[in-house]
PDB file of all heavy atoms in Angstrom:
ATOM      1  N   TYR A   1       0.832  -1.205   0.000  1.00  0.00           N
ATOM      2  CA  TYR A   1       0.000   0.000   0.000  1.00  0.00           C
ATOM      3  C   TYR A   1       0.867   1.255   0.000  1.00  0.00           C
ATOM      4  O   TYR A   1       0.623   2.198  -0.759  1.00  0.00           O
ATOM      5  CB  TYR A   1      -0.926   0.004   1.216  1.00  0.00           C
ATOM      6  CG  TYR A   1      -1.745   1.275   1.299  1.00  0.00           C
ATOM      7  CD1 TYR A   1      -2.831   1.490   0.455  1.00  0.00           C
ATOM      8  CD2 TYR A   1      -1.409   2.284   2.202  1.00  0.00           C
ATOM      9  CE1 TYR A   1      -3.565   2.656   0.507  1.00  0.00           C
ATOM     10  CE2 TYR A   1      -2.140   3.459   2.269  1.00  0.00           C
ATOM     11  CZ  TYR A   1      -3.218   3.644   1.413  1.00  0.00           C
ATOM     12  OH  TYR A   1      -3.931   4.814   1.468  1.00  0.00           O
ATOM     13  N   PHE A   2       1.882   1.284   0.837  1.00  0.00           N
ATOM     14  CA  PHE A   2       2.705   2.489   0.942  1.00  0.00           C
ATOM     15  C   PHE A   2       3.670   2.651  -0.232  1.00  0.00           C
ATOM     16  O   PHE A   2       4.129   3.756  -0.509  1.00  0.00           O
ATOM     17  CB  PHE A   2       3.483   2.482   2.254  1.00  0.00           C
ATOM     18  CG  PHE A   2       2.642   2.822   3.450  1.00  0.00           C
ATOM     19  CD1 PHE A   2       2.294   1.850   4.367  1.00  0.00           C
ATOM     20  CD2 PHE A   2       2.176   4.114   3.649  1.00  0.00           C
ATOM     21  CE1 PHE A   2       1.504   2.160   5.464  1.00  0.00           C
ATOM     22  CE2 PHE A   2       1.386   4.434   4.747  1.00  0.00           C
ATOM     23  CZ  PHE A   2       1.052   3.457   5.659  1.00  0.00           C
ATOM     24  N   SER A   3       3.993   1.561  -0.932  1.00  0.00           N
ATOM     25  CA  SER A   3       4.946   1.663  -2.046  1.00  0.00           C
ATOM     26  C   SER A   3       4.254   1.883  -3.390  1.00  0.00           C
ATOM     27  O   SER A   3       4.617   2.790  -4.143  1.00  0.00           O
ATOM     28  CB  SER A   3       5.824   0.410  -2.103  1.00  0.00           C
ATOM     29  OG  SER A   3       5.019  -0.750  -2.259  1.00  0.00           O
ATOM     30  N   VAL A   4       3.238   1.070  -3.694  1.00  0.00           N
ATOM     31  CA  VAL A   4       2.589   1.192  -5.006  1.00  0.00           C
ATOM     32  C   VAL A   4       1.135   1.642  -4.910  1.00  0.00           C
ATOM     33  O   VAL A   4       0.602   2.243  -5.839  1.00  0.00           O
ATOM     34  CB  VAL A   4       2.652  -0.150  -5.774  1.00  0.00           C
ATOM     35  CG1 VAL A   4       4.077  -0.509  -6.100  1.00  0.00           C
ATOM     36  CG2 VAL A   4       1.978  -1.274  -4.994  1.00  0.00           C
ATOM     37  N   GLY A   5       0.490   1.364  -3.783  1.00  0.00           N
ATOM     38  CA  GLY A   5      -0.920   1.725  -3.652  1.00  0.00           C
ATOM     39  C   GLY A   5      -1.135   3.219  -3.594  1.00  0.00           C
ATOM     40  O   GLY A   5      -1.997   3.773  -4.288  1.00  0.00           O
ATOM     41  N   MET A   6      -0.367   3.916  -2.773  1.00  0.00           N
ATOM     42  CA  MET A   6      -0.539   5.360  -2.636  1.00  0.00           C
ATOM     43  C   MET A   6      -0.122   6.110  -3.894  1.00  0.00           C
ATOM     44  O   MET A   6      -0.570   7.231  -4.137  1.00  0.00           O
ATOM     45  CB  MET A   6       0.250   5.871  -1.423  1.00  0.00           C
ATOM     46  CG  MET A   6      -0.248   5.343  -0.088  1.00  0.00           C
ATOM     47  SD  MET A   6       0.544   6.103   1.335  1.00  0.00           S
ATOM     48  CE  MET A   6      -0.169   7.744   1.294  1.00  0.00           C
ATOM     49  N   GLU A   7       0.731   5.500  -4.701  1.00  0.00           N
ATOM     50  CA  GLU A   7       1.174   6.122  -5.954  1.00  0.00           C
ATOM     51  C   GLU A   7       0.311   5.705  -7.137  1.00  0.00           C
ATOM     52  O   GLU A   7       0.574   6.106  -8.273  1.00  0.00           O
ATOM     53  CB  GLU A   7       2.639   5.737  -6.230  1.00  0.00           C
ATOM     54  CG  GLU A   7       3.621   6.193  -5.153  1.00  0.00           C
ATOM     55  CD  GLU A   7       3.703   7.706  -5.065  1.00  0.00           C
ATOM     56  OE1 GLU A   7       3.555   8.364  -6.118  1.00  0.00           O
ATOM     57  OE2 GLU A   7       3.912   8.220  -3.954  1.00  0.00           O
ATOM     58  N   ASN A   8      -0.705   4.871  -6.871  1.00  0.00           N
ATOM     59  CA  ASN A   8      -1.607   4.395  -7.933  1.00  0.00           C
ATOM     60  C   ASN A   8      -0.856   3.713  -9.075  1.00  0.00           C
ATOM     61  O   ASN A   8      -1.204   3.864 -10.243  1.00  0.00           O
ATOM     62  CB  ASN A   8      -2.451   5.550  -8.484  1.00  0.00           C
ATOM     63  CG  ASN A   8      -3.446   6.062  -7.463  1.00  0.00           C
ATOM     64  OD1 ASN A   8      -4.054   5.287  -6.737  1.00  0.00           O
ATOM     65  ND2 ASN A   8      -3.598   7.377  -7.404  1.00  0.00           N
ATOM     66  N   LYS A   9       0.170   2.961  -8.727  1.00  0.00           N
ATOM     67  CA  LYS A   9       0.927   2.205  -9.731  1.00  0.00           C
ATOM     68  C   LYS A   9       0.293   0.823  -9.856  1.00  0.00           C
ATOM     69  O   LYS A   9       0.591  -0.095  -9.101  1.00  0.00           O
ATOM     70  CB  LYS A   9       2.396   2.097  -9.325  1.00  0.00           C
ATOM     71  CG  LYS A   9       3.111   3.443  -9.305  1.00  0.00           C
ATOM     72  CD  LYS A   9       4.570   3.295  -8.900  1.00  0.00           C
ATOM     73  CE  LYS A   9       5.280   4.644  -8.902  1.00  0.00           C
ATOM     74  NZ  LYS A   9       6.703   4.525  -8.482  1.00  0.00           N
ATOM     75  N   GLU A  10      -0.595   0.698 -10.813  1.00  0.00           N
ATOM     76  CA  GLU A  10      -1.365  -0.530 -10.963  1.00  0.00           C
ATOM     77  C   GLU A  10      -0.890  -1.340 -12.165  1.00  0.00           C
ATOM     78  O   GLU A  10      -0.440  -0.787 -13.159  1.00  0.00           O
ATOM     79  CB  GLU A  10      -2.852  -0.202 -11.137  1.00  0.00           C
ATOM     80  CG  GLU A  10      -3.451   0.558  -9.970  1.00  0.00           C
ATOM     81  CD  GLU A  10      -4.901   0.927 -10.226  1.00  0.00           C
ATOM     82  OE1 GLU A  10      -5.371   0.693 -11.356  1.00  0.00           O
ATOM     83  OE2 GLU A  10      -5.557   1.447  -9.305  1.00  0.00           O
ATOM     84  N   LEU A  11      -0.992  -2.667 -12.034  1.00  0.00           N
ATOM     85  CA  LEU A  11      -0.761  -3.558 -13.169  1.00  0.00           C
ATOM     86  C   LEU A  11      -2.099  -3.846 -13.829  1.00  0.00           C
ATOM     87  O   LEU A  11      -3.111  -4.007 -13.147  1.00  0.00           O
ATOM     88  CB  LEU A  11      -0.115  -4.866 -12.698  1.00  0.00           C
ATOM     89  CG  LEU A  11       1.298  -4.775 -12.116  1.00  0.00           C
ATOM     90  CD1 LEU A  11       1.770  -6.156 -11.679  1.00  0.00           C
ATOM     91  CD2 LEU A  11       2.277  -4.186 -13.123  1.00  0.00           C
ATOM     92  N   ASN A  12      -2.118  -3.911 -15.127  1.00  0.00           N
ATOM     93  CA  ASN A  12      -3.375  -4.138 -15.843  1.00  0.00           C
ATOM     94  C   ASN A  12      -3.181  -5.235 -16.877  1.00  0.00           C
ATOM     95  O   ASN A  12      -2.685  -4.999 -17.973  1.00  0.00           O
ATOM     96  CB  ASN A  12      -3.844  -2.843 -16.516  1.00  0.00           C
ATOM     97  CG  ASN A  12      -5.250  -2.987 -17.093  1.00  0.00           C
ATOM     98  OD1 ASN A  12      -5.944  -3.971 -16.835  1.00  0.00           O
ATOM     99  ND2 ASN A  12      -5.654  -2.017 -17.888  1.00  0.00           N
ATOM    100  N   TRP A  13      -3.518  -6.448 -16.518  1.00  0.00           N
ATOM    101  CA  TRP A  13      -3.492  -7.571 -17.436  1.00  0.00           C
ATOM    102  C   TRP A  13      -4.524  -8.598 -16.960  1.00  0.00           C
ATOM    103  O   TRP A  13      -5.181  -8.407 -15.948  1.00  0.00           O
ATOM    104  CB  TRP A  13      -2.082  -8.175 -17.548  1.00  0.00           C
ATOM    105  CG  TRP A  13      -1.570  -8.854 -16.311  1.00  0.00           C
ATOM    106  CD1 TRP A  13      -1.191  -8.263 -15.155  1.00  0.00           C
ATOM    107  CD2 TRP A  13      -1.384 -10.263 -16.120  1.00  0.00           C
ATOM    108  NE1 TRP A  13      -0.779  -9.199 -14.237  1.00  0.00           N
ATOM    109  CE2 TRP A  13      -0.880 -10.433 -14.809  1.00  0.00           C
ATOM    110  CE3 TRP A  13      -1.578 -11.392 -16.921  1.00  0.00           C
ATOM    111  CZ2 TRP A  13      -0.577 -11.693 -14.294  1.00  0.00           C
ATOM    112  CZ3 TRP A  13      -1.279 -12.641 -16.395  1.00  0.00           C
ATOM    113  CH2 TRP A  13      -0.782 -12.781 -15.107  1.00  0.00           C
ATOM    114  N   TRP A  14      -4.686  -9.660 -17.708  1.00  0.00           N
ATOM    115  CA  TRP A  14      -5.724 -10.646 -17.399  1.00  0.00           C
ATOM    116  C   TRP A  14      -5.642 -11.119 -15.957  1.00  0.00           C
ATOM    117  O   TRP A  14      -6.657 -11.325 -15.299  1.00  0.00           O
ATOM    118  CB  TRP A  14      -5.588 -11.830 -18.353  1.00  0.00           C
ATOM    119  CG  TRP A  14      -6.612 -12.907 -18.132  1.00  0.00           C
ATOM    120  CD1 TRP A  14      -7.855 -12.985 -18.687  1.00  0.00           C
ATOM    121  CD2 TRP A  14      -6.483 -14.060 -17.280  1.00  0.00           C
ATOM    122  NE1 TRP A  14      -8.514 -14.105 -18.239  1.00  0.00           N
ATOM    123  CE2 TRP A  14      -7.684 -14.790 -17.374  1.00  0.00           C
ATOM    124  CE3 TRP A  14      -5.465 -14.541 -16.464  1.00  0.00           C
ATOM    125  CZ2 TRP A  14      -7.892 -15.970 -16.683  1.00  0.00           C
ATOM    126  CZ3 TRP A  14      -5.672 -15.719 -15.757  1.00  0.00           C
ATOM    127  CH2 TRP A  14      -6.880 -16.426 -15.873  1.00  0.00           C
ATOM    128  N   GLY A  15      -4.443 -11.273 -15.425  1.00  0.00           N
ATOM    129  CA  GLY A  15      -4.250 -11.807 -14.076  1.00  0.00           C
ATOM    130  C   GLY A  15      -4.532 -10.817 -12.969  1.00  0.00           C
ATOM    131  O   GLY A  15      -4.435 -11.174 -11.788  1.00  0.00           O
ATOM    132  N   THR A  16      -4.871  -9.568 -13.306  1.00  0.00           N
ATOM    133  CA  THR A  16      -5.218  -8.590 -12.267  1.00  0.00           C
ATOM    134  C   THR A  16      -6.638  -8.051 -12.432  1.00  0.00           C
ATOM    135  O   THR A  16      -6.992  -7.028 -11.846  1.00  0.00           O
ATOM    136  CB  THR A  16      -4.232  -7.411 -12.294  1.00  0.00           C
ATOM    137  OG1 THR A  16      -4.257  -6.794 -13.583  1.00  0.00           O
ATOM    138  CG2 THR A  16      -2.827  -7.871 -11.969  1.00  0.00           C
ATOM    139  N   ASN A  17      -7.449  -8.743 -13.229  1.00  0.00           N
ATOM    140  CA  ASN A  17      -8.815  -8.283 -13.484  1.00  0.00           C
ATOM    141  C   ASN A  17      -9.859  -9.072 -12.703  1.00  0.00           C
ATOM    142  O   ASN A  17     -10.947  -9.342 -13.195  1.00  0.00           O
ATOM    143  CB  ASN A  17      -9.125  -8.359 -14.990  1.00  0.00           C
ATOM    144  CG  ASN A  17      -8.354  -7.329 -15.787  1.00  0.00           C
ATOM    145  OD1 ASN A  17      -7.994  -6.276 -15.259  1.00  0.00           O
ATOM    146  ND2 ASN A  17      -8.059  -7.636 -17.042  1.00  0.00           N
ATOM    147  N   GLY A  18      -9.532  -9.463 -11.489  1.00  0.00           N
ATOM    148  CA  GLY A  18     -10.489 -10.160 -10.641  1.00  0.00           C
ATOM    149  C   GLY A  18     -10.660 -11.623 -11.011  1.00  0.00           C
ATOM    150  O   GLY A  18      -9.830 -12.210 -11.716  1.00  0.00           O
ATOM    151  N   GLU A  19     -11.764 -12.220 -10.558  1.00  0.00           N
ATOM    152  CA  GLU A  19     -11.957 -13.649 -10.788  1.00  0.00           C
ATOM    153  C   GLU A  19     -12.650 -13.955 -12.111  1.00  0.00           C
ATOM    154  O   GLU A  19     -12.886 -15.113 -12.433  1.00  0.00           O
ATOM    155  CB  GLU A  19     -12.753 -14.269  -9.638  1.00  0.00           C
ATOM    156  CG  GLU A  19     -14.184 -13.783  -9.532  1.00  0.00           C
ATOM    157  CD  GLU A  19     -15.030 -14.632  -8.597  1.00  0.00           C
ATOM    158  OE1 GLU A  19     -14.573 -15.675  -8.125  1.00  0.00           O
ATOM    159  OE2 GLU A  19     -16.175 -14.240  -8.347  1.00  0.00           O
ATOM    160  N   HIS A  20     -13.008 -12.915 -12.892  1.00  0.00           N
ATOM    161  CA  HIS A  20     -13.615 -13.098 -14.217  1.00  0.00           C
ATOM    162  C   HIS A  20     -14.972 -13.806 -14.124  1.00  0.00           C
ATOM    163  O   HIS A  20     -15.269 -14.706 -14.909  1.00  0.00           O
ATOM    164  CB  HIS A  20     -12.671 -13.882 -15.140  1.00  0.00           C
ATOM    165  CG  HIS A  20     -11.325 -13.240 -15.283  1.00  0.00           C
ATOM    166  ND1 HIS A  20     -11.082 -12.211 -16.156  1.00  0.00           N
ATOM    167  CD2 HIS A  20     -10.156 -13.467 -14.637  1.00  0.00           C
ATOM    168  CE1 HIS A  20      -9.812 -11.840 -16.062  1.00  0.00           C
ATOM    169  NE2 HIS A  20      -9.228 -12.588 -15.140  1.00  0.00           N
ATOM    170  N   CYS A  21     -15.764 -13.383 -13.159  1.00  0.00           N
ATOM    171  CA  CYS A  21     -17.108 -13.958 -12.993  1.00  0.00           C
ATOM    172  C   CYS A  21     -18.150 -12.845 -12.905  1.00  0.00           C
ATOM    173  O   CYS A  21     -19.041 -12.877 -12.056  1.00  0.00           O
ATOM    174  CB  CYS A  21     -17.172 -14.818 -11.723  1.00  0.00           C
ATOM    175  SG  CYS A  21     -16.181 -16.313 -11.752  1.00  0.00           S
ATOM    176  N   GLN A  22     -18.038 -11.872 -13.789  1.00  0.00           N
ATOM    177  CA  GLN A  22     -18.939 -10.718 -13.708  1.00  0.00           C
ATOM    178  C   GLN A  22     -20.410 -11.109 -13.844  1.00  0.00           C
ATOM    179  O   GLN A  22     -21.290 -10.486 -13.246  1.00  0.00           O
ATOM    180  CB  GLN A  22     -18.592  -9.695 -14.797  1.00  0.00           C
ATOM    181  CG  GLN A  22     -17.288  -8.958 -14.572  1.00  0.00           C
ATOM    182  CD  GLN A  22     -16.073  -9.735 -15.065  1.00  0.00           C
ATOM    183  OE1 GLN A  22     -16.211 -10.869 -15.534  1.00  0.00           O
ATOM    184  NE2 GLN A  22     -14.900  -9.140 -14.966  1.00  0.00           N
ATOM    185  N   LEU A  23     -20.699 -12.135 -14.636  1.00  0.00           N
ATOM    186  CA  LEU A  23     -22.096 -12.513 -14.874  1.00  0.00           C
ATOM    187  C   LEU A  23     -22.736 -13.187 -13.662  1.00  0.00           C
ATOM    188  O   LEU A  23     -23.957 -13.353 -13.624  1.00  0.00           O
ATOM    189  CB  LEU A  23     -22.186 -13.454 -16.082  1.00  0.00           C
ATOM    190  CG  LEU A  23     -21.721 -12.876 -17.426  1.00  0.00           C
ATOM    191  CD1 LEU A  23     -21.939 -13.895 -18.534  1.00  0.00           C
ATOM    192  CD2 LEU A  23     -22.451 -11.579 -17.741  1.00  0.00           C
ATOM    193  N   ALA A  24     -21.928 -13.563 -12.675  1.00  0.00           N
ATOM    194  CA  ALA A  24     -22.487 -14.205 -11.478  1.00  0.00           C
ATOM    195  C   ALA A  24     -23.404 -13.265 -10.715  1.00  0.00           C
ATOM    196  O   ALA A  24     -24.272 -13.717  -9.963  1.00  0.00           O
ATOM    197  CB  ALA A  24     -21.360 -14.690 -10.570  1.00  0.00           C
ATOM    198  N   SER A  25     -23.229 -11.952 -10.905  1.00  0.00           N
ATOM    199  CA  SER A  25     -24.064 -10.970 -10.210  1.00  0.00           C
ATOM    200  C   SER A  25     -25.345 -10.642 -10.964  1.00  0.00           C
ATOM    201  O   SER A  25     -26.076  -9.732 -10.567  1.00  0.00           O
ATOM    202  CB  SER A  25     -23.266  -9.675  -9.977  1.00  0.00           C
ATOM    203  OG  SER A  25     -22.153  -9.915  -9.145  1.00  0.00           O
ATOM    204  N   CYS A  26     -25.613 -11.350 -12.043  1.00  0.00           N
ATOM    205  CA  CYS A  26     -26.785 -11.056 -12.869  1.00  0.00           C
ATOM    206  C   CYS A  26     -28.006 -11.849 -12.419  1.00  0.00           C
ATOM    207  O   CYS A  26     -27.879 -12.966 -11.913  1.00  0.00           O
ATOM    208  CB  CYS A  26     -26.491 -11.389 -14.336  1.00  0.00           C
ATOM    209  SG  CYS A  26     -25.231 -10.320 -15.087  1.00  0.00           S
ATOM    210  N   PRO A  27     -29.208 -11.283 -12.638  1.00  0.00           N
ATOM    211  CA  PRO A  27     -30.440 -12.042 -12.390  1.00  0.00           C
ATOM    212  C   PRO A  27     -30.704 -13.008 -13.537  1.00  0.00           C
ATOM    213  O   PRO A  27     -30.121 -12.892 -14.615  1.00  0.00           O
ATOM    214  CB  PRO A  27     -31.505 -10.945 -12.331  1.00  0.00           C
ATOM    215  CG  PRO A  27     -30.977  -9.868 -13.216  1.00  0.00           C
ATOM    216  CD  PRO A  27     -29.477  -9.894 -13.053  1.00  0.00           C
ATOM    217  N   THR A  28     -31.590 -13.964 -13.315  1.00  0.00           N
ATOM    218  CA  THR A  28     -31.924 -14.937 -14.363  1.00  0.00           C
ATOM    219  C   THR A  28     -33.414 -14.941 -14.700  1.00  0.00           C
ATOM    220  O   THR A  28     -33.846 -15.725 -15.542  1.00  0.00           O
ATOM    221  CB  THR A  28     -31.505 -16.358 -13.924  1.00  0.00           C
ATOM    222  OG1 THR A  28     -32.136 -16.672 -12.679  1.00  0.00           O
ATOM    223  CG2 THR A  28     -29.999 -16.455 -13.764  1.00  0.00           C
ATOM    224  N   ALA A  29     -34.212 -14.086 -14.063  1.00  0.00           N
ATOM    225  CA  ALA A  29     -35.645 -14.026 -14.366  1.00  0.00           C
ATOM    226  C   ALA A  29     -35.873 -13.376 -15.721  1.00  0.00           C
ATOM    227  O   ALA A  29     -35.106 -12.501 -16.155  1.00  0.00           O
ATOM    228  CB  ALA A  29     -36.384 -13.251 -13.280  1.00  0.00           C
ATOM    229  N   LYS A  30     -36.916 -13.770 -16.393  1.00  0.00           N
ATOM    230  CA  LYS A  30     -37.217 -13.227 -17.712  1.00  0.00           C
ATOM    231  C   LYS A  30     -37.617 -11.751 -17.620  1.00  0.00           C
ATOM    232  O   LYS A  30     -38.376 -11.353 -16.746  1.00  0.00           O
ATOM    233  CB  LYS A  30     -38.349 -14.019 -18.362  1.00  0.00           C
ATOM    234  CG  LYS A  30     -37.976 -15.453 -18.714  1.00  0.00           C
ATOM    235  CD  LYS A  30     -39.129 -16.170 -19.401  1.00  0.00           C
ATOM    236  CE  LYS A  30     -38.739 -17.601 -19.786  1.00  0.00           C
ATOM    237  NZ  LYS A  30     -39.849 -18.310 -20.464  1.00  0.00           N
ATOM    238  N   GLY A  31     -37.065 -10.963 -18.543  1.00  0.00           N
ATOM    239  CA  GLY A  31     -37.459  -9.567 -18.674  1.00  0.00           C
ATOM    240  C   GLY A  31     -36.777  -8.601 -17.735  1.00  0.00           C
ATOM    241  O   GLY A  31     -37.012  -7.394 -17.821  1.00  0.00           O
ATOM    242  N   ILE A  32     -35.937  -9.070 -16.825  1.00  0.00           N
ATOM    243  CA  ILE A  32     -35.242  -8.180 -15.896  1.00  0.00           C
ATOM    244  C   ILE A  32     -33.972  -7.663 -16.562  1.00  0.00           C
ATOM    245  O   ILE A  32     -33.108  -8.453 -16.959  1.00  0.00           O
ATOM    246  CB  ILE A  32     -34.903  -8.904 -14.578  1.00  0.00           C
ATOM    247  CG1 ILE A  32     -36.192  -9.360 -13.889  1.00  0.00           C
ATOM    248  CG2 ILE A  32     -34.104  -7.991 -13.661  1.00  0.00           C
ATOM    249  CD1 ILE A  32     -37.111  -8.238 -13.477  1.00  0.00           C
ATOM    250  N   GLU A  33     -33.840  -6.343 -16.696  1.00  0.00           N
ATOM    251  CA  GLU A  33     -32.702  -5.733 -17.368  1.00  0.00           C
ATOM    252  C   GLU A  33     -31.804  -5.047 -16.342  1.00  0.00           C
ATOM    253  O   GLU A  33     -32.250  -4.188 -15.592  1.00  0.00           O
ATOM    254  CB  GLU A  33     -33.174  -4.709 -18.401  1.00  0.00           C
ATOM    255  CG  GLU A  33     -33.990  -5.316 -19.531  1.00  0.00           C
ATOM    256  CD  GLU A  33     -34.359  -4.299 -20.590  1.00  0.00           C
ATOM    257  OE1 GLU A  33     -33.755  -3.200 -20.579  1.00  0.00           O
ATOM    258  OE2 GLU A  33     -35.248  -4.590 -21.406  1.00  0.00           O
ATOM    259  N   VAL A  34     -30.539  -5.452 -16.342  1.00  0.00           N
ATOM    260  CA  VAL A  34     -29.529  -4.872 -15.461  1.00  0.00           C
ATOM    261  C   VAL A  34     -28.304  -4.584 -16.302  1.00  0.00           C
ATOM    262  O   VAL A  34     -27.916  -5.399 -17.156  1.00  0.00           O
ATOM    263  CB  VAL A  34     -29.172  -5.842 -14.303  1.00  0.00           C
ATOM    264  CG1 VAL A  34     -28.039  -5.272 -13.457  1.00  0.00           C
ATOM    265  CG2 VAL A  34     -30.396  -6.101 -13.429  1.00  0.00           C
TER     266      VAL A  34
END
C-alpha cells in the first residue's frame, strides 16, 4: 500500500482483473434488465 498503492501504480493484465465472474451478479428471471 505504501509503495505502489498510494502512488496508484497498478498492473493491468488478465491476471489482475479479478476472478472473471462478472455474470455471477446477474439475475436470471425473464425480462429483468440490469
